[in-house]
Amino acid sequence: MDFIPAQYYYDVYLVIATLLSFSCLTFYNRRDVSLSLNVNQENKKAFWLFFIFAIFVGVRPISEYFADMTQYYGIYTRWSGSFTFNWDVENLLYDNQMMWFANIRLEPVIYYLYIAFIYFGGMYVACRKMFPGNAYAALLVCLVAFSTFGAGTNGIKAGSAGSLFLIALAYRDNLKICISFVLLSYGFHHSMQVPIAAMVATLFYNKKPKYYIYFWIVCFILSALHISYFQLLFAGLTDDKGAGYLLSDRSEDVIFDRGGFRLDFIIYSAMPILMGWYAITKRKIQDKWYNIIFCTYTLVNAVWMLCMYASFTNRIAYLSWFMYPIVLIYPLFLEQWGNDRYKFFARVAALHLAFTLFMHIVYY
């Protein structure tokens, strides 16, 4: 949408999402637990929400304001060879499909629309599966998350891979679907090996989430002490590009991508963990599937803290952040939470939105 300047695109995105959230959260704040919403109607609302935002983001201007977008555009427009499936690429599915789109000479906007539909579509499918009857509200929480817009316009490879992984998490009770989307997510971006490994670990052990919380606290302490051993260890285990992020001494004065001890990121990352602690210890939530997604998020976020001093630390943090909205609100829709679950959801979702608005309007 070239009639919206690139520098104001996120502002418009947030205005629309905030107005929709205000209406939705006002309803949930007054909603009685005895009121059951029509599942089909809520799914339709969620579908149109996903559809509209996918188009809005997919047709954004091609601008350096969206950082990596221009890099992909350059690759796309300079492509001159015939397409043959290449096994020797960094991201098997993503790179080959981009080359195929470039080879058939479709307009770049079609490609960006395609990626946007995968990105927002993954959220929609996951919310519809995990929150039956509340998919619209859950998807709104995903849309206003701190990292959602950036991953949909800049880090689109990791963003689309993360959304495919959300589908795998949503269908964790169906191994065929789960494994299929795990492989798809890895094919879109190789960094998904971290959440995939974490999910496999939590499938084997998830009965006592408190141990994952303890591990997160230990990692926080190690990070505060600036112990870089693990960052060097992970650099030796990943590929050249990943090692470049972990070992770079990049020092430009940028806010979002700079390394160092990121207290703002830690506070943000801790919210689902605090919610999990409260849900498990105070509300006595006992739910196998919640344990799996909570422990997966906590484990991946703990790994990020061990690598916090790397440059582009936000890209490493995103390996847990794409799960953030789901993990944050999942226990609030469980009957075990109690009769105040909808009011509690409205307040948590409002604070979640307020954090994003604060970071965009004030902090950055």
Protein backbone atom coordinates (compact mmCIF):
# COMPACT_ATOMS: atom_id res chain seq x y z
CA MET A 1 0.00 0.00 0.00
CA ASP A 2 2.20 2.79 -1.27
CA PHE A 3 -0.32 5.43 -0.18
CA ILE A 4 0.79 4.68 3.39
CA PRO A 5 4.45 5.76 3.80
CA ALA A 6 6.67 2.94 5.05
CA GLN A 7 7.66 4.86 8.19
CA TYR A 8 4.02 5.05 9.27
CA TYR A 9 3.03 1.51 8.37
CA TYR A 10 3.54 0.10 11.86
CA ASP A 11 1.63 3.02 13.34
CA VAL A 12 -1.40 2.24 11.17
CA TYR A 13 -1.06 -1.47 11.95
CA LEU A 14 -1.07 -0.77 15.70
CA VAL A 15 -3.98 1.67 15.51
CA ILE A 16 -6.17 -0.90 13.76
CA ALA A 17 -5.12 -3.75 16.05
CA THR A 18 -5.54 -1.59 19.17
CA LEU A 19 -9.06 -0.49 18.26
CA LEU A 20 -10.10 -4.08 17.57
CA SER A 21 -8.46 -5.22 20.82
CA PHE A 22 -10.20 -2.54 22.85
CA SER A 23 -13.61 -3.72 21.65
CA CYS A 24 -12.77 -7.38 22.19
CA LEU A 25 -11.24 -6.96 25.65
CA THR A 26 -14.13 -4.80 26.83
CA PHE A 27 -16.43 -7.69 25.96
CA TYR A 28 -14.24 -10.27 27.72
CA ASN A 29 -13.96 -8.10 30.82
CA ARG A 30 -17.75 -8.28 31.14
CA ARG A 31 -18.20 -11.84 29.89
CA ASP A 32 -19.75 -14.38 32.22
CA VAL A 33 -18.26 -17.88 32.30
CA SER A 34 -21.70 -19.32 31.60
CA LEU A 35 -21.74 -17.62 28.18
CA SER A 36 -20.45 -19.92 25.44
CA LEU A 37 -19.58 -18.28 22.14
CA ASN A 38 -20.46 -19.83 18.80
CA VAL A 39 -17.33 -21.66 17.69
CA ASN A 40 -18.02 -21.33 13.96
CA GLN A 41 -18.76 -17.62 14.27
CA GLU A 42 -15.59 -16.98 16.27
CA ASN A 43 -13.55 -18.97 13.75
CA LYS A 44 -14.99 -16.88 10.91
CA LYS A 45 -14.10 -13.66 12.74
CA ALA A 46 -10.59 -14.98 13.30
CA PHE A 47 -10.31 -15.95 9.62
CA TRP A 48 -11.22 -12.46 8.40
CA LEU A 49 -8.85 -10.95 10.94
CA PHE A 50 -5.99 -13.09 9.62
CA PHE A 51 -6.99 -12.42 6.00
CA ILE A 52 -7.12 -8.64 6.36
CA PHE A 53 -3.82 -8.35 8.24
CA ALA A 54 -2.06 -10.74 5.84
CA ILE A 55 -3.07 -8.56 2.90
CA PHE A 56 -2.23 -5.33 4.74
CA VAL A 57 1.28 -6.52 5.62
CA GLY A 58 1.83 -8.42 2.36
CA VAL A 59 1.29 -5.37 0.11
CA ARG A 60 3.47 -3.00 2.18
CA PRO A 61 5.85 -0.72 0.26
CA ILE A 62 9.24 -2.18 -0.68
CA SER A 63 11.37 0.01 1.53
CA GLU A 64 14.63 -0.02 3.47
CA TYR A 65 12.48 0.86 6.47
CA PHE A 66 11.63 -2.85 6.61
CA ALA A 67 15.33 -3.75 6.62
CA ASP A 68 15.82 -7.23 5.12
CA MET A 69 12.85 -6.77 2.78
CA THR A 70 15.01 -4.88 0.28
CA GLN A 71 17.66 -7.61 0.42
CA TYR A 72 15.10 -10.24 -0.57
CA TYR A 73 13.76 -7.89 -3.25
CA GLY A 74 17.22 -7.50 -4.71
CA ILE A 75 17.74 -11.26 -4.89
CA TYR A 76 14.29 -11.68 -6.40
CA THR A 77 14.68 -9.07 -9.14
CA ARG A 78 18.25 -10.03 -10.07
CA TRP A 79 17.45 -13.70 -10.54
CA SER A 80 18.33 -14.71 -14.10
CA GLY A 81 18.89 -18.48 -14.10
CA SER A 82 16.45 -21.29 -14.74
CA PHE A 83 15.05 -22.99 -11.67
CA THR A 84 16.38 -26.33 -10.50
CA PHE A 85 15.87 -27.55 -6.95
CA ASN A 86 19.07 -26.84 -5.06
CA TRP A 87 19.95 -29.01 -2.07
CA ASP A 88 23.00 -26.89 -1.25
CA VAL A 89 21.21 -23.88 0.25
CA GLU A 90 20.93 -22.48 3.75
CA ASN A 91 17.16 -22.96 4.12
CA LEU A 92 16.00 -25.78 1.90
CA LEU A 93 12.32 -24.88 1.43
CA TYR A 94 12.44 -21.12 1.78
CA ASP A 95 15.39 -20.50 -0.54
CA ASN A 96 14.15 -22.84 -3.26
CA GLN A 97 10.63 -21.45 -3.26
CA MET A 98 11.96 -17.89 -3.48
CA MET A 99 14.08 -18.89 -6.47
CA TRP A 100 11.06 -20.58 -8.07
CA PHE A 101 8.89 -17.45 -7.61
CA ALA A 102 11.67 -15.33 -9.10
CA ASN A 103 12.11 -17.75 -12.00
CA ILE A 104 8.46 -17.57 -13.10
CA ARG A 105 8.65 -13.76 -12.96
CA LEU A 106 5.71 -13.08 -10.68
CA GLU A 107 5.56 -9.57 -9.23
CA PRO A 108 7.46 -9.33 -5.91
CA VAL A 109 4.25 -8.26 -4.15
CA ILE A 110 2.79 -11.71 -4.91
CA TYR A 111 5.72 -13.33 -3.15
CA TYR A 112 5.42 -11.07 -0.10
CA LEU A 113 1.68 -11.76 0.02
CA TYR A 114 2.39 -15.48 -0.07
CA ILE A 115 4.80 -15.22 2.86
CA ALA A 116 2.37 -13.00 4.80
CA PHE A 117 -0.39 -15.57 4.36
CA ILE A 118 1.89 -18.29 5.72
CA TYR A 119 2.96 -16.05 8.61
CA PHE A 120 -0.47 -14.91 9.75
CA GLY A 121 -2.14 -18.11 8.59
CA GLY A 122 0.02 -20.16 10.95
CA MET A 123 -1.12 -18.00 13.86
CA TYR A 124 -4.74 -18.35 12.78
CA VAL A 125 -4.59 -22.15 12.51
CA ALA A 126 -2.83 -22.45 15.87
CA CYS A 127 -5.32 -20.16 17.64
CA ARG A 128 -8.29 -21.94 16.09
CA LYS A 129 -6.96 -25.31 17.32
CA MET A 130 -5.74 -24.23 20.76
CA PHE A 131 -8.56 -21.83 21.66
CA PRO A 132 -11.82 -23.24 20.29
CA GLY A 133 -14.52 -20.62 20.68
CA ASN A 134 -11.95 -17.93 21.51
CA ALA A 135 -9.80 -17.94 18.37
CA TYR A 136 -10.57 -14.31 17.49
CA ALA A 137 -9.45 -12.98 20.88
CA ALA A 138 -6.36 -15.19 20.91
CA LEU A 139 -5.34 -14.10 17.40
CA LEU A 140 -5.66 -10.44 18.40
CA VAL A 141 -3.22 -11.07 21.24
CA CYS A 142 -0.82 -12.60 18.72
CA LEU A 143 -1.16 -9.64 16.35
CA VAL A 144 -0.29 -7.03 18.98
CA ALA A 145 2.69 -8.91 20.39
CA PHE A 146 5.93 -6.93 20.59
CA SER A 147 7.73 -8.95 17.89
CA THR A 148 4.87 -9.76 15.51
CA PHE A 149 5.09 -6.85 13.06
CA GLY A 150 8.89 -6.95 12.87
CA ALA A 151 8.96 -10.66 12.11
CA GLY A 152 6.28 -10.21 9.46
CA THR A 153 8.08 -7.41 7.61
CA ASN A 154 11.79 -7.84 8.33
CA GLY A 155 12.75 -11.31 9.57
CA ILE A 156 10.23 -13.00 7.32
CA LYS A 157 12.11 -16.31 7.04
CA ALA A 158 12.21 -16.90 10.78
CA GLY A 159 8.74 -15.39 11.15
CA SER A 160 7.09 -17.78 8.71
CA ALA A 161 9.07 -20.69 10.14
CA GLY A 162 7.86 -19.79 13.62
CA SER A 163 4.23 -19.70 12.51
CA LEU A 164 4.57 -23.14 10.94
CA PHE A 165 6.04 -24.36 14.22
CA LEU A 166 2.99 -22.97 16.06
CA ILE A 167 0.84 -25.30 13.98
CA ALA A 168 3.08 -28.19 15.05
CA LEU A 169 2.58 -27.17 18.69
CA ALA A 170 -1.17 -26.87 18.20
CA TYR A 171 -1.35 -30.39 16.74
CA ARG A 172 1.02 -31.96 19.25
CA ASP A 173 -1.63 -34.64 19.84
CA ASN A 174 -1.46 -35.69 16.17
CA LEU A 175 2.06 -36.88 15.40
CA LYS A 176 1.67 -36.96 11.61
CA ILE A 177 0.58 -33.32 11.43
CA CYS A 178 2.99 -32.25 14.16
CA ILE A 179 6.05 -33.83 12.55
CA SER A 180 5.06 -32.54 9.10
CA PHE A 181 4.95 -28.93 10.28
CA VAL A 182 8.09 -29.33 12.35
CA LEU A 183 9.90 -30.34 9.16
CA LEU A 184 8.29 -27.50 7.21
CA SER A 185 9.36 -24.97 9.82
CA TYR A 186 12.94 -26.25 9.75
CA GLY A 187 12.90 -26.10 5.96
CA PHE A 188 11.90 -22.44 6.13
CA HIS A 189 14.62 -21.49 8.59
CA HIS A 190 17.42 -23.60 10.02
CA SER A 191 17.35 -21.76 13.36
CA MET A 192 14.17 -23.66 14.20
CA GLN A 193 16.42 -26.50 15.32
CA VAL A 194 16.48 -24.81 18.74
CA PRO A 195 12.70 -24.81 19.46
CA ILE A 196 12.41 -28.23 17.79
CA ALA A 197 15.02 -29.68 20.15
CA ALA A 198 13.30 -27.99 23.10
CA MET A 199 9.90 -29.40 22.15
CA VAL A 200 11.33 -32.91 21.81
CA ALA A 201 12.92 -32.55 25.25
CA THR A 202 9.66 -31.39 26.83
CA LEU A 203 7.71 -34.24 25.23
CA PHE A 204 9.90 -36.61 27.23
CA TYR A 205 9.78 -34.64 30.47
CA ASN A 206 7.07 -32.10 31.29
CA LYS A 207 5.49 -33.23 34.55
CA LYS A 208 7.33 -30.71 36.72
CA PRO A 209 7.55 -27.35 34.93
CA LYS A 210 9.06 -25.76 38.01
CA TYR A 211 12.41 -27.36 37.11
CA TYR A 212 12.36 -25.48 33.81
CA ILE A 213 11.71 -22.27 35.74
CA TYR A 214 14.71 -23.03 37.97
CA PHE A 215 16.84 -23.59 34.86
CA TRP A 216 15.67 -20.25 33.45
CA ILE A 217 16.69 -18.50 36.67
CA VAL A 218 20.15 -20.14 36.57
CA CYS A 219 20.58 -18.97 32.98
CA PHE A 220 19.55 -15.47 34.00
CA ILE A 221 22.24 -15.43 36.70
CA LEU A 222 24.88 -16.73 34.27
CA SER A 223 23.88 -14.04 31.79
CA ALA A 224 24.04 -11.30 34.44
CA LEU A 225 27.57 -12.50 35.28
CA HIS A 226 28.46 -12.17 31.57
CA ILE A 227 29.67 -15.76 31.28
CA SER A 228 30.26 -16.26 27.55
CA TYR A 229 31.23 -19.94 27.60
CA PHE A 230 27.85 -21.11 26.32
CA GLN A 231 27.76 -18.50 23.57
CA LEU A 232 31.06 -19.85 22.29
CA LEU A 233 29.82 -23.42 22.69
CA PHE A 234 26.68 -22.79 20.65
CA ALA A 235 28.73 -20.99 17.98
CA GLY A 236 30.67 -24.20 17.48
CA LEU A 237 27.48 -26.21 17.10
CA THR A 238 25.64 -24.02 14.59
CA ASP A 239 26.34 -23.09 10.97
CA ASP A 240 28.52 -20.22 9.73
CA LYS A 241 25.70 -17.66 9.71
CA GLY A 242 24.60 -18.56 13.23
CA ALA A 243 28.18 -18.45 14.43
CA GLY A 244 28.51 -15.02 12.84
CA TYR A 245 25.65 -13.70 14.98
CA LEU A 246 27.07 -15.29 18.13
CA LEU A 247 30.68 -14.21 17.68
CA SER A 248 30.28 -10.80 16.02
CA ASP A 249 31.59 -7.78 17.91
CA ARG A 250 29.21 -5.47 16.03
CA SER A 251 29.03 -2.19 17.93
CA GLU A 252 26.87 0.21 15.90
CA ASP A 253 24.62 2.40 17.98
CA VAL A 254 21.29 0.77 17.23
CA ILE A 255 18.58 0.07 19.76
CA PHE A 256 16.86 -3.08 18.68
CA ASP A 257 19.74 -5.13 17.29
CA ARG A 258 22.47 -4.25 19.76
CA GLY A 259 23.97 -6.84 22.05
CA GLY A 260 24.70 -6.50 25.74
CA PHE A 261 22.65 -7.19 28.84
CA ARG A 262 19.11 -6.52 27.65
CA LEU A 263 17.04 -5.90 30.78
CA ASP A 264 14.11 -4.78 28.61
CA PHE A 265 14.14 -8.08 26.74
CA ILE A 266 14.44 -10.06 29.98
CA ILE A 267 11.46 -8.29 31.57
CA TYR A 268 9.42 -8.94 28.46
CA SER A 269 10.50 -12.57 28.22
CA ALA A 270 9.74 -13.21 31.89
CA MET A 271 6.02 -12.44 31.64
CA PRO A 272 4.88 -15.88 30.33
CA ILE A 273 7.17 -17.52 32.88
CA LEU A 274 5.65 -15.53 35.73
CA MET A 275 2.23 -16.41 34.36
CA GLY A 276 3.23 -20.07 34.29
CA TRP A 277 4.51 -19.95 37.85
CA TYR A 278 1.25 -18.35 39.02
CA ALA A 279 -0.92 -20.76 37.02
CA ILE A 280 0.88 -23.85 38.24
CA THR A 281 1.58 -22.94 41.87
CA LYS A 282 -1.32 -20.66 42.80
CA ARG A 283 -4.13 -21.73 40.47
CA LYS A 284 -3.02 -25.38 40.58
CA ILE A 285 -3.30 -25.79 36.81
CA GLN A 286 -2.53 -29.35 35.76
CA ASP A 287 -2.62 -29.68 32.00
CA LYS A 288 -0.19 -31.80 29.98
CA TRP A 289 -0.41 -29.70 26.82
CA TYR A 290 0.12 -26.45 28.70
CA ASN A 291 3.16 -27.97 30.39
CA ILE A 292 4.63 -28.84 26.98
CA ILE A 293 4.25 -25.41 25.40
CA PHE A 294 5.26 -23.62 28.62
CA CYS A 295 8.38 -25.74 29.09
CA THR A 296 9.32 -25.40 25.40
CA TYR A 297 9.13 -21.60 25.61
CA THR A 298 11.03 -21.47 28.91
CA LEU A 299 13.81 -23.71 27.69
CA VAL A 300 14.34 -21.82 24.43
CA ASN A 301 14.25 -18.45 26.17
CA ALA A 302 16.80 -19.67 28.69
CA VAL A 303 19.13 -20.61 25.82
CA TRP A 304 18.72 -17.09 24.41
CA MET A 305 19.84 -15.58 27.72
CA LEU A 306 23.06 -17.60 27.52
CA CYS A 307 23.66 -15.89 24.14
CA MET A 308 22.36 -12.45 25.07
CA TYR A 309 25.62 -10.63 24.41
CA ALA A 310 25.62 -11.60 20.75
CA SER A 311 24.79 -8.98 18.12
CA PHE A 312 21.28 -9.20 16.66
CA THR A 313 20.22 -10.74 19.97
CA ASN A 314 16.58 -10.03 19.13
CA ARG A 315 16.77 -12.61 16.34
CA ILE A 316 17.89 -15.24 18.81
CA ALA A 317 15.23 -14.14 21.30
CA TYR A 318 12.60 -14.49 18.58
CA LEU A 319 13.11 -18.26 18.66
CA SER A 320 11.06 -18.16 21.86
CA TRP A 321 9.12 -14.93 21.32
CA PHE A 322 7.05 -16.29 18.44
CA MET A 323 5.45 -18.60 21.05
CA TYR A 324 5.04 -15.78 23.57
CA PRO A 325 1.35 -14.81 23.08
CA ILE A 326 0.19 -18.44 23.03
CA VAL A 327 2.11 -19.35 26.19
CA LEU A 328 0.96 -16.17 27.95
CA ILE A 329 -2.78 -16.69 27.53
CA TYR A 330 -3.13 -20.48 27.24
CA PRO A 331 -3.87 -21.19 30.93
CA LEU A 332 -6.39 -18.33 31.10
CA PHE A 333 -8.86 -20.28 28.97
CA LEU A 334 -8.66 -23.47 31.01
CA GLU A 335 -11.65 -24.20 33.24
CA GLN A 336 -9.22 -25.00 36.05
CA TRP A 337 -8.36 -21.29 36.22
CA GLY A 338 -11.74 -20.50 37.76
CA ASN A 339 -14.74 -18.30 37.16
CA ASP A 340 -12.69 -15.13 36.76
CA ARG A 341 -10.72 -16.46 33.78
CA TYR A 342 -12.22 -14.14 31.17
CA LYS A 343 -11.74 -11.00 33.25
CA PHE A 344 -8.21 -12.12 34.01
CA PHE A 345 -7.59 -12.69 30.31
CA ALA A 346 -8.85 -9.21 29.46
CA ARG A 347 -6.48 -7.62 31.96
CA VAL A 348 -3.45 -9.66 30.95
CA ALA A 349 -4.13 -9.02 27.25
CA ALA A 350 -4.54 -5.29 27.96
CA LEU A 351 -1.17 -5.15 29.73
CA HIS A 352 0.36 -7.15 26.89
CA LEU A 353 -0.93 -4.57 24.40
CA ALA A 354 0.15 -1.68 26.63
CA PHE A 355 3.72 -3.02 26.70
CA THR A 356 3.87 -3.09 22.90
CA LEU A 357 2.48 0.43 22.64
CA PHE A 358 4.93 1.69 25.28
CA MET A 359 7.91 0.13 23.53
CA HIS A 360 6.88 1.57 20.15
CA ILE A 361 5.74 5.03 21.22
CA VAL A 362 8.00 5.79 24.21
CA TYR A 363 10.98 3.44 24.45
CA TYR A 364 12.01 3.23 20.80
